[in-house]
């Protein structure tokens, strides 16, 4: 075990001069952070299409919201009964009937709401796709303008100062706005 560690560190020490001798021009100029969804959703085309979707599918949106509220009211007593049944017998090997009933009804409610929202979600996906087609070009242009060689998603970093210039999402959005004036909803 000790010899493997010793060999690893010896190899690391031998490679260190090679890393240190790497020319400065071969190193990354800058690191940027881009929220892909944020950049697309902030575009003028996406915003306009979202407003059109809200108008076109107003009846379906209202129906979905009304049904979601009704289902929530229907599920609440079932959830309370399931919680009471579990609390009454916390060490049970099988689920009480109330728990099973609640789980089945909740799953059916989720499927029903998904079916009601499907036309709206498909329209949004189509809009996102139309704007997203131009994303790579916009990203490359924003990277060049911002002097960035490496781009990360926000969830790939531990922390980023709110005033950091590393966040180039707005620059990508501006590039997308210049490439995509409008889309069909």
C-alpha atoms as a PDB file:
ATOM      1  CA  UNK A   1       0.000   0.000   0.000  1.00  0.00           C
ATOM      2  CA  UNK A   2       2.773   2.406   0.990  1.00  0.00           C
ATOM      3  CA  UNK A   3       4.727   1.679  -2.195  1.00  0.00           C
ATOM      4  CA  UNK A   4       1.712   2.464  -4.393  1.00  0.00           C
ATOM      5  CA  UNK A   5       1.242   5.823  -2.687  1.00  0.00           C
ATOM      6  CA  UNK A   6       4.969   6.526  -2.945  1.00  0.00           C
ATOM      7  CA  UNK A   7       4.924   5.635  -6.658  1.00  0.00           C
ATOM      8  CA  UNK A   8       1.880   7.851  -7.252  1.00  0.00           C
ATOM      9  CA  UNK A   9       3.536  10.877  -5.624  1.00  0.00           C
ATOM     10  CA  UNK A  10       6.797  10.231  -7.476  1.00  0.00           C
ATOM     11  CA  UNK A  11       4.887  10.229 -10.776  1.00  0.00           C
ATOM     12  CA  UNK A  12       3.062  13.385  -9.737  1.00  0.00           C
ATOM     13  CA  UNK A  13       6.347  15.127  -8.972  1.00  0.00           C
ATOM     14  CA  UNK A  14       7.736  14.093 -12.365  1.00  0.00           C
ATOM     15  CA  UNK A  15       4.682  15.522 -14.148  1.00  0.00           C
ATOM     16  CA  UNK A  16       4.734  18.823 -12.247  1.00  0.00           C
ATOM     17  CA  UNK A  17       7.457  20.434 -14.394  1.00  0.00           C
ATOM     18  CA  UNK A  18       5.471  19.577 -17.536  1.00  0.00           C
ATOM     19  CA  UNK A  19       2.397  21.353 -16.181  1.00  0.00           C
ATOM     20  CA  UNK A  20       4.434  24.341 -15.027  1.00  0.00           C
ATOM     21  CA  UNK A  21       6.126  24.596 -18.426  1.00  0.00           C
ATOM     22  CA  UNK A  22       2.796  24.824 -20.284  1.00  0.00           C
ATOM     23  CA  UNK A  23       2.738  28.110 -22.197  1.00  0.00           C
ATOM     24  CA  UNK A  24       0.344  30.760 -20.960  1.00  0.00           C
ATOM     25  CA  UNK A  25      -1.491  30.869 -24.285  1.00  0.00           C
ATOM     26  CA  UNK A  26      -2.482  27.218 -23.849  1.00  0.00           C
ATOM     27  CA  UNK A  27      -4.304  27.950 -20.609  1.00  0.00           C
ATOM     28  CA  UNK A  28      -7.952  28.991 -20.441  1.00  0.00           C
ATOM     29  CA  UNK A  29      -8.622  32.728 -20.687  1.00  0.00           C
ATOM     30  CA  UNK A  30     -11.678  32.730 -18.496  1.00  0.00           C
ATOM     31  CA  UNK A  31     -14.472  30.669 -17.051  1.00  0.00           C
ATOM     32  CA  UNK A  32     -18.094  31.603 -17.542  1.00  0.00           C
ATOM     33  CA  UNK A  33     -21.369  30.447 -16.103  1.00  0.00           C
ATOM     34  CA  UNK A  34     -24.533  30.145 -18.189  1.00  0.00           C
ATOM     35  CA  UNK A  35     -28.016  29.036 -17.257  1.00  0.00           C
ATOM     36  CA  UNK A  36     -29.262  27.460 -20.484  1.00  0.00           C
ATOM     37  CA  UNK A  37     -32.906  27.563 -19.435  1.00  0.00           C
ATOM     38  CA  UNK A  38     -32.535  31.073 -18.042  1.00  0.00           C
ATOM     39  CA  UNK A  39     -30.964  32.393 -21.236  1.00  0.00           C
ATOM     40  CA  UNK A  40     -33.680  30.863 -23.413  1.00  0.00           C
ATOM     41  CA  UNK A  41     -36.580  31.893 -21.168  1.00  0.00           C
ATOM     42  CA  UNK A  42     -35.341  35.483 -20.931  1.00  0.00           C
ATOM     43  CA  UNK A  43     -35.363  35.991 -24.703  1.00  0.00           C
ATOM     44  CA  UNK A  44     -37.884  38.358 -26.202  1.00  0.00           C
ATOM     45  CA  UNK A  45     -39.122  35.608 -28.534  1.00  0.00           C
ATOM     46  CA  UNK A  46     -39.743  33.183 -25.667  1.00  0.00           C
ATOM     47  CA  UNK A  47     -41.487  35.836 -23.560  1.00  0.00           C
ATOM     48  CA  UNK A  48     -43.767  36.802 -26.457  1.00  0.00           C
ATOM     49  CA  UNK A  49     -44.545  33.164 -27.214  1.00  0.00           C
ATOM     50  CA  UNK A  50     -45.298  32.507 -23.529  1.00  0.00           C
ATOM     51  CA  UNK A  51     -47.786  35.379 -23.557  1.00  0.00           C
ATOM     52  CA  UNK A  52     -49.354  33.910 -26.691  1.00  0.00           C
ATOM     53  CA  UNK A  53     -49.566  30.477 -25.031  1.00  0.00           C
ATOM     54  CA  UNK A  54     -51.230  32.026 -21.962  1.00  0.00           C
ATOM     55  CA  UNK A  55     -53.810  33.616 -24.258  1.00  0.00           C
ATOM     56  CA  UNK A  56     -54.326  30.692 -26.640  1.00  0.00           C
ATOM     57  CA  UNK A  57     -54.595  28.070 -23.909  1.00  0.00           C
ATOM     58  CA  UNK A  58     -56.341  30.228 -21.301  1.00  0.00           C
ATOM     59  CA  UNK A  59     -59.311  27.854 -21.044  1.00  0.00           C
ATOM     60  CA  UNK A  60     -57.097  24.769 -20.622  1.00  0.00           C
ATOM     61  CA  UNK A  61     -54.895  26.565 -18.075  1.00  0.00           C
ATOM     62  CA  UNK A  62     -57.950  27.597 -16.059  1.00  0.00           C
ATOM     63  CA  UNK A  63     -59.409  24.091 -16.306  1.00  0.00           C
ATOM     64  CA  UNK A  64     -56.119  22.586 -15.127  1.00  0.00           C
ATOM     65  CA  UNK A  65     -55.831  24.992 -12.188  1.00  0.00           C
ATOM     66  CA  UNK A  66     -59.446  24.414 -11.147  1.00  0.00           C
ATOM     67  CA  UNK A  67     -59.032  20.648 -11.383  1.00  0.00           C
ATOM     68  CA  UNK A  68     -55.739  20.773  -9.451  1.00  0.00           C
ATOM     69  CA  UNK A  69     -57.469  22.623  -6.605  1.00  0.00           C
ATOM     70  CA  UNK A  70     -60.367  20.136  -6.597  1.00  0.00           C
ATOM     71  CA  UNK A  71     -57.959  17.206  -6.544  1.00  0.00           C
ATOM     72  CA  UNK A  72     -55.979  18.780  -3.714  1.00  0.00           C
ATOM     73  CA  UNK A  73     -59.193  19.146  -1.701  1.00  0.00           C
ATOM     74  CA  UNK A  74     -60.111  15.538  -2.492  1.00  0.00           C
ATOM     75  CA  UNK A  75     -56.670  14.195  -1.559  1.00  0.00           C
ATOM     76  CA  UNK A  76     -56.291  16.064   1.726  1.00  0.00           C
ATOM     77  CA  UNK A  77     -58.639  13.824   3.785  1.00  0.00           C
ATOM     78  CA  UNK A  78     -57.105  10.713   2.185  1.00  0.00           C
ATOM     79  CA  UNK A  79     -53.626  11.955   3.100  1.00  0.00           C
ATOM     80  CA  UNK A  80     -54.696  12.665   6.673  1.00  0.00           C
ATOM     81  CA  UNK A  81     -56.237   9.187   6.969  1.00  0.00           C
ATOM     82  CA  UNK A  82     -53.059   7.604   5.593  1.00  0.00           C
ATOM     83  CA  UNK A  83     -50.899   9.545   8.064  1.00  0.00           C
ATOM     84  CA  UNK A  84     -53.171   8.548  10.936  1.00  0.00           C
ATOM     85  CA  UNK A  85     -53.036   4.891   9.893  1.00  0.00           C
ATOM     86  CA  UNK A  86     -49.251   4.983   9.741  1.00  0.00           C
ATOM     87  CA  UNK A  87     -49.018   6.746  13.094  1.00  0.00           C
ATOM     88  CA  UNK A  88     -51.304   4.146  14.687  1.00  0.00           C
ATOM     89  CA  UNK A  89     -49.046   1.301  13.609  1.00  0.00           C
ATOM     90  CA  UNK A  90     -45.563   2.626  12.704  1.00  0.00           C
ATOM     91  CA  UNK A  91     -43.893  -0.804  12.743  1.00  0.00           C
ATOM     92  CA  UNK A  92     -46.337  -2.486  10.353  1.00  0.00           C
ATOM     93  CA  UNK A  93     -44.741  -4.653   7.668  1.00  0.00           C
ATOM     94  CA  UNK A  94     -47.487  -3.863   5.166  1.00  0.00           C
ATOM     95  CA  UNK A  95     -49.114  -0.583   4.298  1.00  0.00           C
ATOM     96  CA  UNK A  96     -52.565   0.024   5.744  1.00  0.00           C
ATOM     97  CA  UNK A  97     -55.402   0.268   3.236  1.00  0.00           C
ATOM     98  CA  UNK A  98     -55.646   4.041   3.769  1.00  0.00           C
ATOM     99  CA  UNK A  99     -52.026   4.486   2.667  1.00  0.00           C
ATOM    100  CA  UNK A 100     -52.550   2.385  -0.449  1.00  0.00           C
ATOM    101  CA  UNK A 101     -55.769   4.226  -1.309  1.00  0.00           C
ATOM    102  CA  UNK A 102     -54.075   7.593  -0.927  1.00  0.00           C
ATOM    103  CA  UNK A 103     -51.066   6.574  -3.038  1.00  0.00           C
ATOM    104  CA  UNK A 104     -53.264   5.219  -5.843  1.00  0.00           C
ATOM    105  CA  UNK A 105     -55.535   8.269  -5.881  1.00  0.00           C
ATOM    106  CA  UNK A 106     -52.586  10.660  -5.822  1.00  0.00           C
ATOM    107  CA  UNK A 107     -50.988   8.856  -8.778  1.00  0.00           C
ATOM    108  CA  UNK A 108     -54.278   8.998 -10.708  1.00  0.00           C
ATOM    109  CA  UNK A 109     -54.576  12.719  -9.932  1.00  0.00           C
ATOM    110  CA  UNK A 110     -51.032  13.379 -11.170  1.00  0.00           C
ATOM    111  CA  UNK A 111     -51.787  11.510 -14.406  1.00  0.00           C
ATOM    112  CA  UNK A 112     -55.018  13.452 -14.888  1.00  0.00           C
ATOM    113  CA  UNK A 113     -53.267  16.796 -14.390  1.00  0.00           C
ATOM    114  CA  UNK A 114     -50.453  15.773 -16.737  1.00  0.00           C
ATOM    115  CA  UNK A 115     -53.008  14.950 -19.430  1.00  0.00           C
ATOM    116  CA  UNK A 116     -54.739  18.311 -18.945  1.00  0.00           C
ATOM    117  CA  UNK A 117     -51.437  20.176 -19.177  1.00  0.00           C
ATOM    118  CA  UNK A 118     -50.044  18.241 -22.126  1.00  0.00           C
ATOM    119  CA  UNK A 119     -51.082  20.693 -24.896  1.00  0.00           C
ATOM    120  CA  UNK A 120     -49.608  23.612 -22.956  1.00  0.00           C
ATOM    121  CA  UNK A 121     -46.378  21.750 -22.205  1.00  0.00           C
ATOM    122  CA  UNK A 122     -46.030  20.704 -25.851  1.00  0.00           C
ATOM    123  CA  UNK A 123     -46.452  24.318 -26.986  1.00  0.00           C
ATOM    124  CA  UNK A 124     -43.796  25.465 -24.498  1.00  0.00           C
ATOM    125  CA  UNK A 125     -41.436  22.699 -25.595  1.00  0.00           C
ATOM    126  CA  UNK A 126     -41.895  23.719 -29.230  1.00  0.00           C
ATOM    127  CA  UNK A 127     -41.098  27.343 -28.401  1.00  0.00           C
ATOM    128  CA  UNK A 128     -38.040  26.301 -26.385  1.00  0.00           C
ATOM    129  CA  UNK A 129     -36.867  24.124 -29.271  1.00  0.00           C
ATOM    130  CA  UNK A 130     -37.186  26.978 -31.784  1.00  0.00           C
ATOM    131  CA  UNK A 131     -35.093  29.314 -29.624  1.00  0.00           C
ATOM    132  CA  UNK A 132     -32.735  26.527 -28.552  1.00  0.00           C
ATOM    133  CA  UNK A 133     -31.737  25.793 -32.146  1.00  0.00           C
ATOM    134  CA  UNK A 134     -29.711  29.012 -32.059  1.00  0.00           C
ATOM    135  CA  UNK A 135     -28.251  28.478 -28.582  1.00  0.00           C
ATOM    136  CA  UNK A 136     -24.839  27.100 -29.578  1.00  0.00           C
ATOM    137  CA  UNK A 137     -24.171  29.980 -31.987  1.00  0.00           C
ATOM    138  CA  UNK A 138     -25.253  32.503 -29.360  1.00  0.00           C
ATOM    139  CA  UNK A 139     -23.131  30.812 -26.699  1.00  0.00           C
ATOM    140  CA  UNK A 140     -20.036  30.865 -28.913  1.00  0.00           C
ATOM    141  CA  UNK A 141     -20.552  34.557 -29.721  1.00  0.00           C
ATOM    142  CA  UNK A 142     -21.056  35.432 -26.047  1.00  0.00           C
ATOM    143  CA  UNK A 143     -17.980  33.413 -25.075  1.00  0.00           C
ATOM    144  CA  UNK A 144     -15.886  35.292 -27.636  1.00  0.00           C
ATOM    145  CA  UNK A 145     -17.258  38.679 -26.589  1.00  0.00           C
ATOM    146  CA  UNK A 146     -16.716  37.878 -22.895  1.00  0.00           C
ATOM    147  CA  UNK A 147     -13.244  36.382 -23.435  1.00  0.00           C
ATOM    148  CA  UNK A 148     -14.328  33.017 -21.995  1.00  0.00           C
ATOM    149  CA  UNK A 149     -12.996  29.588 -22.990  1.00  0.00           C
ATOM    150  CA  UNK A 150     -14.851  27.371 -20.519  1.00  0.00           C
ATOM    151  CA  UNK A 151     -18.530  27.549 -19.610  1.00  0.00           C
ATOM    152  CA  UNK A 152     -20.220  25.777 -16.706  1.00  0.00           C
ATOM    153  CA  UNK A 153     -23.851  25.368 -15.710  1.00  0.00           C
ATOM    154  CA  UNK A 154     -24.779  27.133 -12.435  1.00  0.00           C
ATOM    155  CA  UNK A 155     -25.414  23.795 -10.700  1.00  0.00           C
ATOM    156  CA  UNK A 156     -21.816  22.728 -11.446  1.00  0.00           C
ATOM    157  CA  UNK A 157     -20.315  25.351  -9.147  1.00  0.00           C
ATOM    158  CA  UNK A 158     -20.406  25.710  -5.387  1.00  0.00           C
ATOM    159  CA  UNK A 159     -20.728  29.492  -5.193  1.00  0.00           C
ATOM    160  CA  UNK A 160     -20.736  32.534  -7.439  1.00  0.00           C
ATOM    161  CA  UNK A 161     -20.771  36.129  -6.332  1.00  0.00           C
ATOM    162  CA  UNK A 162     -23.913  37.959  -7.487  1.00  0.00           C
ATOM    163  CA  UNK A 163     -21.692  40.689  -8.943  1.00  0.00           C
ATOM    164  CA  UNK A 164     -19.377  38.266 -10.742  1.00  0.00           C
ATOM    165  CA  UNK A 165     -18.697  38.892 -14.407  1.00  0.00           C
ATOM    166  CA  UNK A 166     -18.407  35.130 -14.880  1.00  0.00           C
ATOM    167  CA  UNK A 167     -22.191  34.872 -15.329  1.00  0.00           C
ATOM    168  CA  UNK A 168     -22.670  35.393 -19.058  1.00  0.00           C
ATOM    169  CA  UNK A 169     -26.318  34.318 -19.204  1.00  0.00           C
ATOM    170  CA  UNK A 170     -27.426  37.859 -20.089  1.00  0.00           C
ATOM    171  CA  UNK A 171     -24.832  37.989 -22.886  1.00  0.00           C
ATOM    172  CA  UNK A 172     -26.145  34.712 -24.312  1.00  0.00           C
ATOM    173  CA  UNK A 173     -29.718  36.032 -24.067  1.00  0.00           C
ATOM    174  CA  UNK A 174     -28.678  39.176 -25.961  1.00  0.00           C
ATOM    175  CA  UNK A 175     -27.094  37.024 -28.663  1.00  0.00           C
ATOM    176  CA  UNK A 176     -30.243  34.899 -28.885  1.00  0.00           C
ATOM    177  CA  UNK A 177     -32.390  38.040 -29.152  1.00  0.00           C
ATOM    178  CA  UNK A 178     -30.289  39.188 -32.097  1.00  0.00           C
ATOM    179  CA  UNK A 179     -30.713  35.802 -33.824  1.00  0.00           C
ATOM    180  CA  UNK A 180     -34.352  34.954 -33.006  1.00  0.00           C
ATOM    181  CA  UNK A 181     -36.842  37.786 -33.379  1.00  0.00           C
ATOM    182  CA  UNK A 182     -39.942  35.661 -32.870  1.00  0.00           C
ATOM    183  CA  UNK A 183     -41.165  32.081 -32.780  1.00  0.00           C
ATOM    184  CA  UNK A 184     -44.458  30.300 -33.290  1.00  0.00           C
ATOM    185  CA  UNK A 185     -46.291  29.181 -30.200  1.00  0.00           C
END
